[in-house]
PDB file of N, CA and C in Angstrom:
ATOM      1  N   UNK A   1      27.931   9.047  94.186  1.00  0.00           N
ATOM      2  CA  UNK A   1      26.678   9.459  94.402  1.00  0.00           C
ATOM      3  C   UNK A   1      26.395   9.722  96.077  1.00  0.00           C
ATOM      4  N   UNK A   2      25.878  10.768  96.489  1.00  0.00           N
ATOM      5  CA  UNK A   2      25.794  10.854  97.884  1.00  0.00           C
ATOM      6  C   UNK A   2      24.366  10.253  98.339  1.00  0.00           C
ATOM      7  N   UNK A   3      24.375   9.728  99.458  1.00  0.00           N
ATOM      8  CA  UNK A   3      23.146   9.033 100.043  1.00  0.00           C
ATOM      9  C   UNK A   3      22.083  10.061 100.327  1.00  0.00           C
ATOM     10  N   UNK A   4      20.869   9.749 100.078  1.00  0.00           N
ATOM     11  CA  UNK A   4      19.726  10.658 100.310  1.00  0.00           C
ATOM     12  C   UNK A   4      19.546  10.688 101.841  1.00  0.00           C
ATOM     13  N   UNK A   5      19.055  11.938 102.220  1.00  0.00           N
ATOM     14  CA  UNK A   5      18.665  12.138 103.604  1.00  0.00           C
ATOM     15  C   UNK A   5      17.364  11.494 103.890  1.00  0.00           C
ATOM     16  N   UNK A   6      17.235  10.854 105.042  1.00  0.00           N
ATOM     17  CA  UNK A   6      15.918  10.167 105.381  1.00  0.00           C
ATOM     18  C   UNK A   6      14.845  11.266 105.324  1.00  0.00           C
ATOM     19  N   UNK A   7      13.626  10.750 104.683  1.00  0.00           N
ATOM     20  CA  UNK A   7      12.504  11.575 104.430  1.00  0.00           C
ATOM     21  C   UNK A   7      11.284  11.114 105.526  1.00  0.00           C
ATOM     22  N   UNK A   8      10.688  12.080 105.956  1.00  0.00           N
ATOM     23  CA  UNK A   8       9.562  11.761 106.905  1.00  0.00           C
ATOM     24  C   UNK A   8       8.368  12.469 106.495  1.00  0.00           C
ATOM     25  N   UNK A   9       7.152  11.791 106.550  1.00  0.00           N
ATOM     26  CA  UNK A   9       5.863  12.310 106.306  1.00  0.00           C
ATOM     27  C   UNK A   9       5.707  13.456 107.128  1.00  0.00           C
ATOM     28  N   UNK A  10       5.247  14.549 106.377  1.00  0.00           N
ATOM     29  CA  UNK A  10       5.079  15.936 107.053  1.00  0.00           C
ATOM     30  C   UNK A  10       4.117  16.698 106.046  1.00  0.00           C
ATOM     31  N   UNK A  11       3.005  16.941 106.829  1.00  0.00           N
ATOM     32  CA  UNK A  11       1.904  17.633 105.925  1.00  0.00           C
ATOM     33  C   UNK A  11       1.618  19.070 106.733  1.00  0.00           C
ATOM     34  N   UNK A  12       1.994  20.155 105.890  1.00  0.00           N
ATOM     35  CA  UNK A  12       1.597  21.413 106.306  1.00  0.00           C
ATOM     36  C   UNK A  12       1.401  22.368 105.289  1.00  0.00           C
ATOM     37  N   UNK A  13       0.792  23.384 105.350  1.00  0.00           N
ATOM     38  CA  UNK A  13       0.378  24.470 104.191  1.00  0.00           C
ATOM     39  C   UNK A  13       1.823  25.234 104.196  1.00  0.00           C
ATOM     40  N   UNK A  14       2.144  25.722 102.934  1.00  0.00           N
ATOM     41  CA  UNK A  14       3.271  26.407 102.630  1.00  0.00           C
ATOM     42  C   UNK A  14       2.892  27.566 101.789  1.00  0.00           C
ATOM     43  N   UNK A  15       3.357  28.788 102.228  1.00  0.00           N
ATOM     44  CA  UNK A  15       3.011  29.959 101.218  1.00  0.00           C
ATOM     45  C   UNK A  15       4.442  30.197 100.524  1.00  0.00           C
ATOM     46  N   UNK A  16       4.282  30.300  99.143  1.00  0.00           N
ATOM     47  CA  UNK A  16       5.536  30.472  98.298  1.00  0.00           C
ATOM     48  C   UNK A  16       5.276  31.955  97.671  1.00  0.00           C
ATOM     49  N   UNK A  17       6.473  32.622  97.681  1.00  0.00           N
ATOM     50  CA  UNK A  17       6.535  34.045  97.100  1.00  0.00           C
ATOM     51  C   UNK A  17       7.598  34.025  96.064  1.00  0.00           C
ATOM     52  N   UNK A  18       7.361  34.055  94.768  1.00  0.00           N
ATOM     53  CA  UNK A  18       8.336  34.107  93.674  1.00  0.00           C
ATOM     54  C   UNK A  18       9.069  35.494  93.878  1.00  0.00           C
ATOM     55  N   UNK A  19      10.300  35.475  93.424  1.00  0.00           N
ATOM     56  CA  UNK A  19      11.021  36.873  93.433  1.00  0.00           C
ATOM     57  C   UNK A  19      10.702  37.697  92.209  1.00  0.00           C
ATOM     58  N   UNK A  20      10.006  37.189  91.153  1.00  0.00           N
ATOM     59  CA  UNK A  20       9.677  38.004  90.004  1.00  0.00           C
ATOM     60  C   UNK A  20       8.264  38.617  90.444  1.00  0.00           C
ATOM     61  N   UNK A  21       7.586  39.068  89.310  1.00  0.00           N
ATOM     62  CA  UNK A  21       6.332  39.894  89.562  1.00  0.00           C
ATOM     63  C   UNK A  21       5.173  38.795  89.344  1.00  0.00           C
ATOM     64  N   UNK A  22       5.293  37.657  90.271  1.00  0.00           N
ATOM     65  CA  UNK A  22       4.347  36.818  90.041  1.00  0.00           C
ATOM     66  C   UNK A  22       3.713  36.732  91.319  1.00  0.00           C
ATOM     67  N   UNK A  23       2.309  36.447  91.471  1.00  0.00           N
ATOM     68  CA  UNK A  23       1.554  36.336  92.769  1.00  0.00           C
ATOM     69  C   UNK A  23       2.105  35.174  93.685  1.00  0.00           C
ATOM     70  N   UNK A  24       1.915  35.324  94.962  1.00  0.00           N
ATOM     71  CA  UNK A  24       2.227  34.249  95.868  1.00  0.00           C
ATOM     72  C   UNK A  24       1.196  33.139  95.528  1.00  0.00           C
ATOM     73  N   UNK A  25       1.539  31.932  95.978  1.00  0.00           N
ATOM     74  CA  UNK A  25       0.733  30.721  95.972  1.00  0.00           C
ATOM     75  C   UNK A  25       0.952  29.868  97.122  1.00  0.00           C
ATOM     76  N   UNK A  26       0.205  28.952  97.154  1.00  0.00           N
ATOM     77  CA  UNK A  26       0.166  27.794  98.405  1.00  0.00           C
ATOM     78  C   UNK A  26       0.465  26.590  97.859  1.00  0.00           C
ATOM     79  N   UNK A  27       0.944  25.726  98.644  1.00  0.00           N
ATOM     80  CA  UNK A  27       1.275  24.351  98.410  1.00  0.00           C
ATOM     81  C   UNK A  27       1.144  23.654  99.820  1.00  0.00           C
ATOM     82  N   UNK A  28       1.063  22.315  99.642  1.00  0.00           N
ATOM     83  CA  UNK A  28       1.078  21.328 100.813  1.00  0.00           C
ATOM     84  C   UNK A  28       2.326  20.485 100.753  1.00  0.00           C
ATOM     85  N   UNK A  29       2.993  20.362 101.804  1.00  0.00           N
ATOM     86  CA  UNK A  29       4.109  19.579 101.837  1.00  0.00           C
ATOM     87  C   UNK A  29       3.596  18.035 101.984  1.00  0.00           C
ATOM     88  N   UNK A  30       4.322  17.178 101.454  1.00  0.00           N
ATOM     89  CA  UNK A  30       4.108  15.615 101.534  1.00  0.00           C
ATOM     90  C   UNK A  30       5.137  14.998 102.511  1.00  0.00           C
ATOM     91  N   UNK A  31       6.314  15.468 102.166  1.00  0.00           N
ATOM     92  CA  UNK A  31       7.412  14.905 103.198  1.00  0.00           C
ATOM     93  C   UNK A  31       8.595  15.952 103.389  1.00  0.00           C
ATOM     94  N   UNK A  32       9.485  15.777 104.290  1.00  0.00           N
ATOM     95  CA  UNK A  32      10.265  16.605 104.659  1.00  0.00           C
ATOM     96  C   UNK A  32      11.586  15.894 105.051  1.00  0.00           C
ATOM     97  N   UNK A  33      12.706  16.473 104.698  1.00  0.00           N
ATOM     98  CA  UNK A  33      14.106  16.006 105.068  1.00  0.00           C
ATOM     99  C   UNK A  33      14.927  17.181 105.414  1.00  0.00           C
ATOM    100  N   UNK A  34      16.226  16.942 105.820  1.00  0.00           N
ATOM    101  CA  UNK A  34      17.016  18.050 106.265  1.00  0.00           C
ATOM    102  C   UNK A  34      17.425  19.023 105.233  1.00  0.00           C
ATOM    103  N   UNK A  35      17.271  18.653 103.872  1.00  0.00           N
ATOM    104  CA  UNK A  35      17.697  19.553 102.855  1.00  0.00           C
ATOM    105  C   UNK A  35      16.570  20.124 102.029  1.00  0.00           C
ATOM    106  N   UNK A  36      15.210  19.647 102.296  1.00  0.00           N
ATOM    107  CA  UNK A  36      14.164  20.322 101.529  1.00  0.00           C
ATOM    108  C   UNK A  36      12.860  19.585 101.759  1.00  0.00           C
ATOM    109  N   UNK A  37      11.945  19.705 100.883  1.00  0.00           N
ATOM    110  CA  UNK A  37      10.621  19.131 100.969  1.00  0.00           C
ATOM    111  C   UNK A  37       9.976  18.658  99.514  1.00  0.00           C
ATOM    112  N   UNK A  38       9.129  17.780  99.764  1.00  0.00           N
ATOM    113  CA  UNK A  38       8.364  17.346  98.530  1.00  0.00           C
ATOM    114  C   UNK A  38       6.994  18.163  98.679  1.00  0.00           C
ATOM    115  N   UNK A  39       6.458  18.847  97.588  1.00  0.00           N
ATOM    116  CA  UNK A  39       5.242  19.702  97.659  1.00  0.00           C
ATOM    117  C   UNK A  39       4.384  19.448  96.699  1.00  0.00           C
ATOM    118  N   UNK A  40       3.107  19.451  97.086  1.00  0.00           N
ATOM    119  CA  UNK A  40       1.929  19.275  96.141  1.00  0.00           C
ATOM    120  C   UNK A  40       1.146  20.749  96.152  1.00  0.00           C
ATOM    121  N   UNK A  41       0.890  21.186  94.810  1.00  0.00           N
ATOM    122  CA  UNK A  41       0.359  22.632  94.612  1.00  0.00           C
ATOM    123  C   UNK A  41      -0.649  22.475  93.352  1.00  0.00           C
ATOM    124  N   UNK A  42      -1.622  23.422  93.587  1.00  0.00           N
ATOM    125  CA  UNK A  42      -2.594  23.536  92.397  1.00  0.00           C
ATOM    126  C   UNK A  42      -1.916  24.307  91.325  1.00  0.00           C
ATOM    127  N   UNK A  43      -0.802  24.977  91.543  1.00  0.00           N
ATOM    128  CA  UNK A  43      -0.254  25.845  90.601  1.00  0.00           C
ATOM    129  C   UNK A  43       0.986  24.981  89.889  1.00  0.00           C
ATOM    130  N   UNK A  44       1.289  25.104  88.710  1.00  0.00           N
ATOM    131  CA  UNK A  44       2.414  24.557  87.905  1.00  0.00           C
ATOM    132  C   UNK A  44       3.618  25.610  88.231  1.00  0.00           C
ATOM    133  N   UNK A  45       4.761  24.857  88.303  1.00  0.00           N
ATOM    134  CA  UNK A  45       6.007  25.654  88.726  1.00  0.00           C
ATOM    135  C   UNK A  45       6.984  24.987  87.747  1.00  0.00           C
ATOM    136  N   UNK A  46       8.169  25.849  87.455  1.00  0.00           N
ATOM    137  CA  UNK A  46       9.158  25.396  86.651  1.00  0.00           C
ATOM    138  C   UNK A  46      10.374  25.252  87.695  1.00  0.00           C
ATOM    139  N   UNK A  47      11.149  24.174  87.113  1.00  0.00           N
ATOM    140  CA  UNK A  47      12.462  23.769  88.145  1.00  0.00           C
ATOM    141  C   UNK A  47      13.409  24.950  87.739  1.00  0.00           C
ATOM    142  N   UNK A  48      14.364  25.091  88.762  1.00  0.00           N
ATOM    143  CA  UNK A  48      15.162  26.263  88.741  1.00  0.00           C
ATOM    144  C   UNK A  48      14.677  27.465  89.410  1.00  0.00           C
ATOM    145  N   UNK A  49      13.470  27.620  89.755  1.00  0.00           N
ATOM    146  CA  UNK A  49      12.950  28.897  90.355  1.00  0.00           C
ATOM    147  C   UNK A  49      13.412  29.006  91.708  1.00  0.00           C
ATOM    148  N   UNK A  50      13.836  30.159  92.161  1.00  0.00           N
ATOM    149  CA  UNK A  50      14.154  30.379  93.571  1.00  0.00           C
ATOM    150  C   UNK A  50      12.869  31.211  94.161  1.00  0.00           C
ATOM    151  N   UNK A  51      12.504  30.813  95.288  1.00  0.00           N
ATOM    152  CA  UNK A  51      11.215  31.259  95.904  1.00  0.00           C
ATOM    153  C   UNK A  51      11.501  31.439  97.454  1.00  0.00           C
ATOM    154  N   UNK A  52      10.761  32.476  98.085  1.00  0.00           N
ATOM    155  CA  UNK A  52      10.719  32.422  99.412  1.00  0.00           C
ATOM    156  C   UNK A  52       9.618  31.546  99.824  1.00  0.00           C
ATOM    157  N   UNK A  53       9.565  31.069 101.074  1.00  0.00           N
ATOM    158  CA  UNK A  53       8.484  30.100 101.503  1.00  0.00           C
ATOM    159  C   UNK A  53       8.320  30.333 102.988  1.00  0.00           C
ATOM    160  N   UNK A  54       7.131  29.981 103.472  1.00  0.00           N
ATOM    161  CA  UNK A  54       6.864  30.204 104.869  1.00  0.00           C
ATOM    162  C   UNK A  54       5.864  29.078 105.252  1.00  0.00           C
ATOM    163  N   UNK A  55       6.067  28.455 106.329  1.00  0.00           N
ATOM    164  CA  UNK A  55       5.114  27.447 106.934  1.00  0.00           C
ATOM    165  C   UNK A  55       4.778  28.055 108.250  1.00  0.00           C
ATOM    166  N   UNK A  56       3.892  27.506 109.177  1.00  0.00           N
ATOM    167  CA  UNK A  56       3.654  27.877 110.282  1.00  0.00           C
ATOM    168  C   UNK A  56       4.912  27.748 111.268  1.00  0.00           C
ATOM    169  N   UNK A  57       5.725  26.971 110.870  1.00  0.00           N
ATOM    170  CA  UNK A  57       6.815  26.657 111.901  1.00  0.00           C
ATOM    171  C   UNK A  57       8.201  27.357 111.573  1.00  0.00           C
ATOM    172  N   UNK A  58       8.403  27.426 110.245  1.00  0.00           N
ATOM    173  CA  UNK A  58       9.898  27.926 109.738  1.00  0.00           C
ATOM    174  C   UNK A  58       9.763  28.342 108.432  1.00  0.00           C
ATOM    175  N   UNK A  59      10.575  29.290 108.084  1.00  0.00           N
ATOM    176  CA  UNK A  59      10.657  29.993 106.628  1.00  0.00           C
ATOM    177  C   UNK A  59      12.000  30.109 106.084  1.00  0.00           C
ATOM    178  N   UNK A  60      12.226  30.490 104.819  1.00  0.00           N
ATOM    179  CA  UNK A  60      13.411  30.666 104.198  1.00  0.00           C
ATOM    180  C   UNK A  60      13.413  30.764 102.755  1.00  0.00           C
ATOM    181  N   UNK A  61      14.462  30.547 102.039  1.00  0.00           N
ATOM    182  CA  UNK A  61      14.483  30.544 100.524  1.00  0.00           C
ATOM    183  C   UNK A  61      14.672  29.133 100.009  1.00  0.00           C
ATOM    184  N   UNK A  62      14.108  28.705  98.809  1.00  0.00           N
ATOM    185  CA  UNK A  62      14.289  27.468  98.369  1.00  0.00           C
ATOM    186  C   UNK A  62      14.412  27.554  96.872  1.00  0.00           C
ATOM    187  N   UNK A  63      14.911  26.377  96.399  1.00  0.00           N
ATOM    188  CA  UNK A  63      14.967  26.334  94.884  1.00  0.00           C
ATOM    189  C   UNK A  63      14.272  25.026  94.577  1.00  0.00           C
ATOM    190  N   UNK A  64      13.362  25.323  93.417  1.00  0.00           N
ATOM    191  CA  UNK A  64      12.663  24.215  92.822  1.00  0.00           C
ATOM    192  C   UNK A  64      13.790  23.344  92.083  1.00  0.00           C
ATOM    193  N   UNK A  65      13.694  22.034  92.470  1.00  0.00           N
ATOM    194  CA  UNK A  65      14.818  21.191  91.951  1.00  0.00           C
ATOM    195  C   UNK A  65      14.303  20.467  90.731  1.00  0.00           C
ATOM    196  N   UNK A  66      13.047  20.074  90.900  1.00  0.00           N
ATOM    197  CA  UNK A  66      12.320  19.346  89.800  1.00  0.00           C
ATOM    198  C   UNK A  66      10.747  19.572  89.948  1.00  0.00           C
ATOM    199  N   UNK A  67      10.093  19.392  88.810  1.00  0.00           N
ATOM    200  CA  UNK A  67       8.532  19.566  88.965  1.00  0.00           C
ATOM    201  C   UNK A  67       7.991  18.653  87.907  1.00  0.00           C
ATOM    202  N   UNK A  68       6.738  18.120  88.415  1.00  0.00           N
ATOM    203  CA  UNK A  68       6.060  17.149  87.477  1.00  0.00           C
ATOM    204  C   UNK A  68       4.665  17.664  87.474  1.00  0.00           C
ATOM    205  N   UNK A  69       4.103  17.864  86.153  1.00  0.00           N
ATOM    206  CA  UNK A  69       2.490  18.233  86.099  1.00  0.00           C
ATOM    207  C   UNK A  69       1.776  16.911  86.689  1.00  0.00           C
ATOM    208  N   UNK A  70       0.959  17.334  87.591  1.00  0.00           N
ATOM    209  CA  UNK A  70       0.057  16.256  88.062  1.00  0.00           C
ATOM    210  C   UNK A  70      -1.113  15.891  87.032  1.00  0.00           C
ATOM    211  N   UNK A  71      -1.536  14.726  86.905  1.00  0.00           N
ATOM    212  CA  UNK A  71      -2.454  14.315  85.849  1.00  0.00           C
ATOM    213  C   UNK A  71      -3.958  14.924  86.224  1.00  0.00           C
ATOM    214  N   UNK A  72      -4.133  15.223  87.663  1.00  0.00           N
ATOM    215  CA  UNK A  72      -5.477  15.829  87.797  1.00  0.00           C
ATOM    216  C   UNK A  72      -5.313  17.332  88.136  1.00  0.00           C
ATOM    217  N   UNK A  73      -4.176  17.994  87.477  1.00  0.00           N
ATOM    218  CA  UNK A  73      -3.980  19.395  87.512  1.00  0.00           C
ATOM    219  C   UNK A  73      -2.852  19.821  88.688  1.00  0.00           C
ATOM    220  N   UNK A  74      -2.180  20.816  88.571  1.00  0.00           N
ATOM    221  CA  UNK A  74      -1.320  21.354  89.498  1.00  0.00           C
ATOM    222  C   UNK A  74       0.059  20.598  89.229  1.00  0.00           C
ATOM    223  N   UNK A  75       0.859  20.631  90.297  1.00  0.00           N
ATOM    224  CA  UNK A  75       2.128  19.984  90.004  1.00  0.00           C
ATOM    225  C   UNK A  75       2.556  19.298  91.414  1.00  0.00           C
ATOM    226  N   UNK A  76       3.530  18.469  91.380  1.00  0.00           N
ATOM    227  CA  UNK A  76       4.190  17.963  92.398  1.00  0.00           C
ATOM    228  C   UNK A  76       5.697  18.190  92.312  1.00  0.00           C
ATOM    229  N   UNK A  77       6.358  19.014  93.222  1.00  0.00           N
ATOM    230  CA  UNK A  77       7.780  19.406  92.969  1.00  0.00           C
ATOM    231  C   UNK A  77       8.637  19.378  94.115  1.00  0.00           C
ATOM    232  N   UNK A  78       9.965  19.130  93.971  1.00  0.00           N
ATOM    233  CA  UNK A  78      10.724  19.071  95.099  1.00  0.00           C
ATOM    234  C   UNK A  78      11.510  20.281  95.312  1.00  0.00           C
ATOM    235  N   UNK A  79      11.753  20.861  96.582  1.00  0.00           N
ATOM    236  CA  UNK A  79      12.349  21.944  96.831  1.00  0.00           C
ATOM    237  C   UNK A  79      13.608  21.723  97.640  1.00  0.00           C
ATOM    238  N   UNK A  80      14.657  22.477  97.344  1.00  0.00           N
ATOM    239  CA  UNK A  80      15.866  22.318  98.326  1.00  0.00           C
ATOM    240  C   UNK A  80      16.051  23.643  99.027  1.00  0.00           C
ATOM    241  N   UNK A  81      16.352  23.567 100.332  1.00  0.00           N
ATOM    242  CA  UNK A  81      16.355  24.641 101.127  1.00  0.00           C
ATOM    243  C   UNK A  81      17.762  25.398 100.642  1.00  0.00           C
ATOM    244  N   UNK A  82      17.684  26.682 100.429  1.00  0.00           N
ATOM    245  CA  UNK A  82      18.798  27.354  99.991  1.00  0.00           C
ATOM    246  C   UNK A  82      19.222  28.424 101.124  1.00  0.00           C
ATOM    247  N   UNK A  83      18.333  28.904 101.872  1.00  0.00           N
ATOM    248  CA  UNK A  83      18.720  29.687 103.005  1.00  0.00           C
ATOM    249  C   UNK A  83      17.722  29.746 104.156  1.00  0.00           C
ATOM    250  N   UNK A  84      18.044  29.354 105.272  1.00  0.00           N
ATOM    251  CA  UNK A  84      17.333  29.301 106.485  1.00  0.00           C
ATOM    252  C   UNK A  84      17.967  30.204 107.612  1.00  0.00           C
ATOM    253  N   UNK A  85      17.117  30.976 108.203  1.00  0.00           N
ATOM    254  CA  UNK A  85      17.774  31.717 109.573  1.00  0.00           C
ATOM    255  C   UNK A  85      17.945  30.742 110.462  1.00  0.00           C
ATOM    256  N   UNK A  86      18.646  31.367 111.548  1.00  0.00           N
ATOM    257  CA  UNK A  86      19.112  30.371 112.757  1.00  0.00           C
ATOM    258  C   UNK A  86      17.828  29.879 113.392  1.00  0.00           C
ATOM    259  N   UNK A  87      16.741  30.645 113.567  1.00  0.00           N
ATOM    260  CA  UNK A  87      15.486  30.184 114.190  1.00  0.00           C
ATOM    261  C   UNK A  87      14.893  29.049 113.429  1.00  0.00           C
ATOM    262  N   UNK A  88      14.848  29.205 112.013  1.00  0.00           N
ATOM    263  CA  UNK A  88      14.350  28.314 111.096  1.00  0.00           C
ATOM    264  C   UNK A  88      15.054  27.092 111.061  1.00  0.00           C
ATOM    265  N   UNK A  89      16.450  27.077 111.198  1.00  0.00           N
ATOM    266  CA  UNK A  89      17.168  25.963 111.328  1.00  0.00           C
ATOM    267  C   UNK A  89      16.878  25.035 112.626  1.00  0.00           C
ATOM    268  N   UNK A  90      16.792  25.858 113.729  1.00  0.00           N
ATOM    269  CA  UNK A  90      16.447  25.188 114.943  1.00  0.00           C
ATOM    270  C   UNK A  90      15.009  24.516 114.958  1.00  0.00           C
ATOM    271  N   UNK A  91      14.110  25.183 114.258  1.00  0.00           N
ATOM    272  CA  UNK A  91      12.810  24.594 114.196  1.00  0.00           C
ATOM    273  C   UNK A  91      12.627  23.374 113.181  1.00  0.00           C
ATOM    274  N   UNK A  92      13.456  23.450 112.147  1.00  0.00           N
ATOM    275  CA  UNK A  92      13.436  22.176 111.305  1.00  0.00           C
ATOM    276  C   UNK A  92      14.103  21.065 112.015  1.00  0.00           C
ATOM    277  N   UNK A  93      15.359  21.295 112.736  1.00  0.00           N
ATOM    278  CA  UNK A  93      15.994  20.381 113.466  1.00  0.00           C
ATOM    279  C   UNK A  93      14.907  19.640 114.554  1.00  0.00           C
ATOM    280  N   UNK A  94      14.210  20.507 115.196  1.00  0.00           N
ATOM    281  CA  UNK A  94      13.148  19.819 116.161  1.00  0.00           C
ATOM    282  C   UNK A  94      12.082  19.148 115.338  1.00  0.00           C
ATOM    283  N   UNK A  95      11.664  19.522 114.240  1.00  0.00           N
ATOM    284  CA  UNK A  95      10.606  18.806 113.493  1.00  0.00           C
ATOM    285  C   UNK A  95      11.269  17.418 113.051  1.00  0.00           C
ATOM    286  N   UNK A  96      12.382  17.429 112.679  1.00  0.00           N
ATOM    287  CA  UNK A  96      13.077  16.222 112.214  1.00  0.00           C
ATOM    288  C   UNK A  96      13.347  15.361 113.400  1.00  0.00           C
ATOM    289  N   UNK A  97      13.778  15.719 114.481  1.00  0.00           N
ATOM    290  CA  UNK A  97      13.983  15.003 115.712  1.00  0.00           C
ATOM    291  C   UNK A  97      12.646  14.407 116.184  1.00  0.00           C
ATOM    292  N   UNK A  98      11.486  15.264 116.238  1.00  0.00           N
ATOM    293  CA  UNK A  98      10.275  14.513 116.516  1.00  0.00           C
ATOM    294  C   UNK A  98       9.723  13.563 115.586  1.00  0.00           C
ATOM    295  N   UNK A  99      10.136  13.693 114.280  1.00  0.00           N
ATOM    296  CA  UNK A  99       9.546  12.808 113.249  1.00  0.00           C
ATOM    297  C   UNK A  99      10.401  11.272 113.498  1.00  0.00           C
ATOM    298  N   UNK A 100      11.728  11.308 113.850  1.00  0.00           N
ATOM    299  CA  UNK A 100      12.432  10.252 114.045  1.00  0.00           C
ATOM    300  C   UNK A 100      11.858   9.548 115.336  1.00  0.00           C
ATOM    301  N   UNK A 101      11.464  10.065 116.281  1.00  0.00           N
ATOM    302  CA  UNK A 101      10.782   9.480 117.466  1.00  0.00           C
ATOM    303  C   UNK A 101       9.679   8.888 117.338  1.00  0.00           C
ATOM    304  N   UNK A 102       8.723   9.178 116.306  1.00  0.00           N
ATOM    305  CA  UNK A 102       7.470   8.683 115.878  1.00  0.00           C
ATOM    306  C   UNK A 102       7.729   7.236 115.020  1.00  0.00           C
ATOM    307  N   UNK A 103       8.929   7.138 114.494  1.00  0.00           N
ATOM    308  CA  UNK A 103       9.055   5.867 113.770  1.00  0.00           C
ATOM    309  C   UNK A 103       9.502   4.664 114.671  1.00  0.00           C
TER     310      UNK A 103
END
């Protein structure tokens, strides 16, 4: 079993765009690591979905690794970054570096 990447509190708005004929939807990140994010959304989502995502700082493609219905509606889900462009990788590295400095 491989060790989990450190996670850092990180709250930002995320716009998700499914590749099927579904409408875009938003979520809010809860935490961030090198490989993905924990997200809270008003919308339910299935694990295994591939989505495009965009935050104010970086964007790319992700896969929903797991999802749980929230007791108060919506869902909590974990995404794994599948594809990030060079600029997005640079921004992610900068965010993680800044997070380490705050601890």
